[in-house]
Amino acid sequence: MTTATLPQSRFSLSVLWWLPRGIIFGLMAFFIFGPLFNMLLWTVAEKWYFPHTLPLQYGFSSWAKVFAPRGGALDSLSNSLLVAVLTVLVSLALAIPAGYALARLKLPLRGLILLAFLIPQAFPNLTVYVNVARIFYEIHLNGTIPGVVLVHVSHGLVYAVWIATAAFSAIDIELEQAARSAGAGAMRAFWDITLPLAAPGLMASAIFVFLESLDEFTGSYFVGAPDVNMLPLLLYTAGSGGNYQIASITALLLLVPSLIFMFVVERFLKADVLSRVGQ
């Protein structure tokens, strides 16, 4: 083989090496970003029908309809944010003591207790929420903000308790013992030492609960509709009615906080916390 053919052979090997990987990454990018790009097009499409690949007319009239007083988007957005914030507060109020006890106490059924929080995820949501709606109707919680919050908390506790348990488990118990030996009481050691160190994990837990509540549809539909309007309900109504512009704008409203909070999760949720989940 001459020296002139060496660069050509290396180039061929390089092409054979990178071409399949480029195709794979290209397909992955298409399947991930293709639907997002299509959704963004629908948010500004005034006229778009088959067989045209791109919209025939662009504009923002659909945005005006969504944010008009009769559009219901502002009311749905405020309700969704209110329910999500209340869900986070209630979930953390229950998860912090539960997670601390599961991390520090030698409970005989610790693993079973952790698995018990997965029960709401183990059954089909439809059958569960139909019966929950019937019970809530009898006790006058159906169609109320507190009723929707309670339903969202039942799902949010899965993330809240598991991540809180991992966050407290990642903290060396000797730090608490050192504070106790210096004269601090149990509550003082918890508030001054343990809780600040567990704050990043608890923050990540709160973000997961917030996102779960923000995107929850089935529970919001059976317990809240039609009195409590939520963004997922508005998205479902617009999509089922064929109004893809309104549905895409509503989906974008749901997507933006999710992306922001996922970046925050990546910042706060560290590997040492994740490694202790379920331990």
Protein backbone atom coordinates (compact mmCIF):
# COMPACT_ATOMS: atom_id res chain seq x y z
CA MET A 1 0.00 0.00 0.00
CA THR A 2 1.44 3.38 -1.00
CA THR A 3 1.58 6.35 1.32
CA ALA A 4 -0.98 8.16 -0.86
CA THR A 5 -3.64 5.55 -0.12
CA LEU A 6 -3.17 5.69 3.68
CA PRO A 7 -5.10 8.96 4.19
CA GLN A 8 -7.90 7.63 1.96
CA SER A 9 -8.19 4.40 3.95
CA ARG A 10 -8.20 6.32 7.22
CA PHE A 11 -10.90 8.60 5.84
CA SER A 12 -12.98 5.58 4.82
CA LEU A 13 -12.61 4.02 8.26
CA SER A 14 -13.58 7.33 9.86
CA VAL A 15 -16.70 7.52 7.69
CA LEU A 16 -17.64 3.94 8.54
CA TRP A 17 -17.12 4.76 12.23
CA TRP A 18 -19.12 7.99 12.39
CA LEU A 19 -21.84 7.40 9.78
CA PRO A 20 -23.94 4.90 11.80
CA ARG A 21 -23.58 7.02 14.91
CA GLY A 22 -24.59 10.13 13.01
CA ILE A 23 -27.69 8.37 11.71
CA ILE A 24 -28.61 7.16 15.20
CA PHE A 25 -28.16 10.60 16.76
CA GLY A 26 -30.06 12.18 13.90
CA LEU A 27 -33.01 9.85 14.40
CA MET A 28 -32.94 10.48 18.15
CA ALA A 29 -32.94 14.24 17.57
CA PHE A 30 -35.82 13.87 15.12
CA PHE A 31 -37.99 11.86 17.49
CA ILE A 32 -37.22 14.17 20.42
CA PHE A 33 -37.24 17.61 18.82
CA GLY A 34 -39.51 16.88 15.84
CA PRO A 35 -42.75 16.87 17.89
CA LEU A 36 -41.60 19.97 19.78
CA PHE A 37 -40.91 21.81 16.52
CA ASN A 38 -44.32 20.72 15.20
CA MET A 39 -45.97 22.00 18.38
CA LEU A 40 -44.23 25.37 18.03
CA LEU A 41 -45.43 25.64 14.44
CA TRP A 42 -49.01 24.99 15.53
CA THR A 43 -48.83 27.80 18.09
CA VAL A 44 -48.37 30.37 15.29
CA ALA A 45 -50.25 28.60 12.46
CA GLU A 46 -53.29 30.49 11.16
CA LYS A 47 -53.94 28.16 8.22
CA TRP A 48 -52.42 24.70 7.86
CA TYR A 49 -53.91 21.66 6.19
CA PHE A 50 -52.87 18.56 4.29
CA PRO A 51 -50.85 18.08 2.07
CA HIS A 52 -48.84 21.20 2.93
CA THR A 53 -45.71 20.52 5.00
CA LEU A 54 -45.61 23.98 6.59
CA PRO A 55 -48.38 26.41 7.60
CA LEU A 56 -49.79 28.54 4.83
CA GLN A 57 -50.37 31.51 7.10
CA TYR A 58 -48.76 32.58 10.38
CA GLY A 59 -50.13 34.77 13.15
CA PHE A 60 -50.91 35.14 16.85
CA SER A 61 -54.70 35.20 16.83
CA SER A 62 -54.81 31.88 18.71
CA TRP A 63 -52.68 33.38 21.47
CA ALA A 64 -55.20 36.19 21.81
CA LYS A 65 -58.02 33.65 22.09
CA VAL A 66 -56.20 31.64 24.74
CA PHE A 67 -55.47 34.65 26.95
CA ALA A 68 -58.81 36.34 26.38
CA PRO A 69 -61.12 36.47 29.44
CA ARG A 70 -63.29 33.76 27.89
CA GLY A 71 -60.32 31.64 26.84
CA GLY A 72 -59.93 30.18 30.31
CA ALA A 73 -56.14 29.91 30.10
CA LEU A 74 -55.38 32.43 32.85
CA ASP A 75 -57.94 30.87 35.17
CA SER A 76 -56.63 27.38 34.40
CA LEU A 77 -53.02 28.49 34.84
CA SER A 78 -53.70 30.12 38.20
CA ASN A 79 -55.60 27.04 39.42
CA SER A 80 -52.84 24.71 38.23
CA LEU A 81 -50.14 26.75 39.95
CA LEU A 82 -52.18 27.08 43.15
CA VAL A 83 -52.89 23.35 43.29
CA ALA A 84 -49.26 22.50 42.52
CA VAL A 85 -47.92 24.79 45.26
CA LEU A 86 -50.40 23.47 47.84
CA THR A 87 -49.56 19.89 46.80
CA VAL A 88 -45.87 20.59 47.37
CA LEU A 89 -46.49 22.10 50.81
CA VAL A 90 -48.71 19.24 51.99
CA SER A 91 -46.41 16.58 50.52
CA LEU A 92 -43.31 18.03 52.15
CA ALA A 93 -45.10 18.48 55.48
CA LEU A 94 -45.77 14.73 55.42
CA ALA A 95 -42.56 13.61 53.71
CA ILE A 96 -40.01 15.40 55.92
CA PRO A 97 -40.91 13.63 59.19
CA ALA A 98 -41.62 10.37 57.35
CA GLY A 99 -38.35 10.51 55.42
CA TYR A 100 -36.36 11.36 58.55
CA ALA A 101 -37.92 8.47 60.47
CA LEU A 102 -37.31 6.02 57.63
CA ALA A 103 -33.70 7.19 57.31
CA ARG A 104 -32.79 7.26 61.00
CA LEU A 105 -34.96 4.71 62.81
CA LYS A 106 -34.41 0.97 62.56
CA LEU A 107 -37.95 0.11 61.51
CA PRO A 108 -38.66 -3.61 61.06
CA LEU A 109 -40.88 -3.05 58.00
CA ARG A 110 -38.96 -0.16 56.47
CA GLY A 111 -38.84 -1.63 52.97
CA LEU A 112 -42.54 -2.49 53.08
CA ILE A 113 -43.41 1.04 54.21
CA LEU A 114 -41.48 2.51 51.29
CA LEU A 115 -43.22 0.15 48.89
CA ALA A 116 -46.59 1.18 50.34
CA PHE A 117 -46.09 4.67 48.91
CA LEU A 118 -45.95 3.10 45.44
CA ILE A 119 -49.48 1.68 45.77
CA PRO A 120 -51.16 4.68 44.05
CA GLN A 121 -48.89 4.01 41.05
CA ALA A 122 -49.53 0.27 41.03
CA PHE A 123 -53.20 0.40 39.98
CA PRO A 124 -54.85 1.92 36.89
CA ASN A 125 -55.58 5.57 37.60
CA LEU A 126 -59.00 5.45 35.98
CA THR A 127 -60.49 2.85 38.33
CA VAL A 128 -58.96 4.53 41.39
CA TYR A 129 -60.15 8.04 40.59
CA VAL A 130 -63.68 6.96 39.72
CA ASN A 131 -64.08 5.61 43.25
CA VAL A 132 -62.25 8.57 44.78
CA ALA A 133 -64.62 10.94 42.96
CA ARG A 134 -67.63 9.04 44.36
CA ILE A 135 -66.29 9.26 47.92
CA PHE A 136 -65.34 12.93 47.55
CA TYR A 137 -68.81 13.70 46.20
CA GLU A 138 -70.36 12.26 49.36
CA ILE A 139 -68.14 14.38 51.63
CA HIS A 140 -68.47 17.52 49.44
CA LEU A 141 -64.85 17.60 48.27
CA ASN A 142 -65.62 16.95 44.61
CA GLY A 143 -65.17 20.05 42.48
CA THR A 144 -63.04 21.86 45.08
CA ILE A 145 -59.40 22.92 45.26
CA PRO A 146 -58.78 20.92 48.49
CA GLY A 147 -60.17 17.79 46.83
CA VAL A 148 -57.86 18.14 43.83
CA VAL A 149 -54.89 18.83 46.13
CA LEU A 150 -55.56 15.64 48.13
CA VAL A 151 -55.63 13.57 44.95
CA HIS A 152 -52.39 15.11 43.74
CA VAL A 153 -50.76 14.55 47.12
CA SER A 154 -51.49 10.82 46.90
CA HIS A 155 -49.23 10.68 43.84
CA GLY A 156 -46.74 13.31 44.98
CA LEU A 157 -45.92 11.43 48.18
CA VAL A 158 -44.17 8.76 46.13
CA TYR A 159 -41.49 11.24 45.04
CA ALA A 160 -41.53 13.25 48.25
CA VAL A 161 -41.03 10.38 50.69
CA TRP A 162 -38.53 8.39 48.64
CA ILE A 163 -36.30 11.36 47.83
CA ALA A 164 -36.59 12.78 51.37
CA THR A 165 -35.55 9.40 52.77
CA ALA A 166 -32.55 9.31 50.45
CA ALA A 167 -31.62 12.92 51.33
CA PHE A 168 -31.62 12.23 55.06
CA SER A 169 -29.80 8.92 54.58
CA ALA A 170 -27.00 10.74 52.74
CA ILE A 171 -26.26 12.85 55.84
CA ASP A 172 -23.76 11.40 58.28
CA ILE A 173 -25.49 10.76 61.60
CA GLU A 174 -22.26 11.68 63.41
CA LEU A 175 -22.93 15.34 62.55
CA GLU A 176 -26.13 15.22 64.57
CA GLN A 177 -24.41 13.37 67.36
CA ALA A 178 -21.68 16.02 67.47
CA ALA A 179 -24.30 18.74 67.78
CA ARG A 180 -26.07 16.81 70.52
CA SER A 181 -22.80 16.33 72.42
CA ALA A 182 -22.21 20.10 72.19
CA GLY A 183 -25.46 20.70 74.07
CA ALA A 184 -28.00 21.07 71.28
CA GLY A 185 -31.36 19.38 71.69
CA ALA A 186 -32.81 16.95 69.19
CA MET A 187 -34.95 19.57 67.44
CA ARG A 188 -32.13 22.12 67.45
CA ALA A 189 -29.74 19.62 65.85
CA PHE A 190 -32.37 18.77 63.25
CA TRP A 191 -33.16 22.39 62.32
CA ASP A 192 -29.57 23.68 62.40
CA ILE A 193 -27.65 20.68 61.03
CA THR A 194 -29.76 18.01 59.32
CA LEU A 195 -32.41 20.06 57.57
CA PRO A 196 -30.01 22.52 55.87
CA LEU A 197 -27.86 19.64 54.63
CA ALA A 198 -30.94 17.81 53.31
CA ALA A 199 -32.31 20.97 51.65
CA PRO A 200 -30.99 20.20 48.11
CA GLY A 201 -32.65 16.78 48.13
CA LEU A 202 -35.86 18.21 49.57
CA MET A 203 -35.79 20.92 46.90
CA ALA A 204 -35.53 18.27 44.20
CA SER A 205 -38.37 16.37 45.86
CA ALA A 206 -40.52 19.51 45.82
CA ILE A 207 -39.77 20.06 42.13
CA PHE A 208 -40.77 16.50 41.21
CA VAL A 209 -44.02 16.86 43.16
CA PHE A 210 -44.70 20.24 41.51
CA LEU A 211 -44.23 18.81 38.02
CA GLU A 212 -46.34 15.74 38.80
CA SER A 213 -49.15 17.97 40.04
CA LEU A 214 -48.88 20.38 37.12
CA ASP A 215 -49.25 17.57 34.56
CA GLU A 216 -51.84 15.45 36.40
CA PHE A 217 -54.93 15.00 34.23
CA THR A 218 -56.95 11.98 35.37
CA GLY A 219 -57.34 13.00 39.00
CA SER A 220 -58.01 16.62 38.05
CA TYR A 221 -60.69 15.51 35.60
CA PHE A 222 -62.63 13.16 37.86
CA VAL A 223 -62.31 15.20 41.05
CA GLY A 224 -62.05 18.80 39.84
CA ALA A 225 -63.99 19.13 36.57
CA PRO A 226 -65.95 21.15 35.65
CA ASP A 227 -65.70 23.47 38.67
CA VAL A 228 -61.90 23.56 38.95
CA ASN A 229 -60.35 24.37 35.57
CA MET A 230 -56.78 23.12 35.10
CA LEU A 231 -54.33 23.42 32.22
CA PRO A 232 -54.33 19.65 31.45
CA LEU A 233 -58.12 19.79 31.22
CA LEU A 234 -57.95 22.76 28.84
CA LEU A 235 -55.37 20.88 26.76
CA TYR A 236 -57.59 17.80 26.59
CA THR A 237 -60.68 19.81 25.61
CA ALA A 238 -58.85 21.68 22.86
CA GLY A 239 -57.14 18.56 21.52
CA SER A 240 -60.27 16.43 21.48
CA GLY A 241 -62.11 19.24 19.70
CA GLY A 242 -59.50 19.42 16.93
CA ASN A 243 -58.31 22.89 17.92
CA TYR A 244 -54.61 22.14 17.62
CA GLN A 245 -53.54 25.77 17.92
CA ILE A 246 -55.12 26.14 21.36
CA ALA A 247 -53.90 22.70 22.40
CA SER A 248 -50.32 23.49 21.32
CA ILE A 249 -50.27 26.81 23.16
CA THR A 250 -51.58 25.12 26.30
CA ALA A 251 -48.98 22.36 25.96
CA LEU A 252 -46.28 25.02 25.65
CA LEU A 253 -47.51 26.65 28.86
CA LEU A 254 -47.10 23.28 30.57
CA LEU A 255 -43.74 22.57 28.96
CA VAL A 256 -41.90 25.77 29.92
CA PRO A 257 -42.04 25.33 33.73
CA SER A 258 -41.20 21.65 33.31
CA LEU A 259 -38.00 22.46 31.42
CA ILE A 260 -37.02 25.14 33.93
CA PHE A 261 -37.56 22.86 36.90
CA MET A 262 -35.72 19.96 35.29
CA PHE A 263 -32.62 22.15 35.05
CA VAL A 264 -33.07 22.98 38.73
CA VAL A 265 -33.38 19.26 39.54
CA GLU A 266 -30.11 18.56 37.74
CA ARG A 267 -28.46 21.21 39.90
CA PHE A 268 -29.78 20.05 43.27
CA LEU A 269 -30.20 16.27 42.96
CA LYS A 270 -26.75 14.78 43.29
CA ALA A 271 -25.55 11.22 42.69
CA ASP A 272 -24.93 10.54 46.38
CA VAL A 273 -28.59 11.24 47.08
CA LEU A 274 -29.80 9.06 44.22
CA SER A 275 -27.57 6.19 45.34
CA ARG A 276 -29.40 5.99 48.66
CA VAL A 277 -32.93 5.74 47.27
CA GLY A 278 -34.50 2.59 48.64
CA GLN A 279 -31.59 1.76 50.94
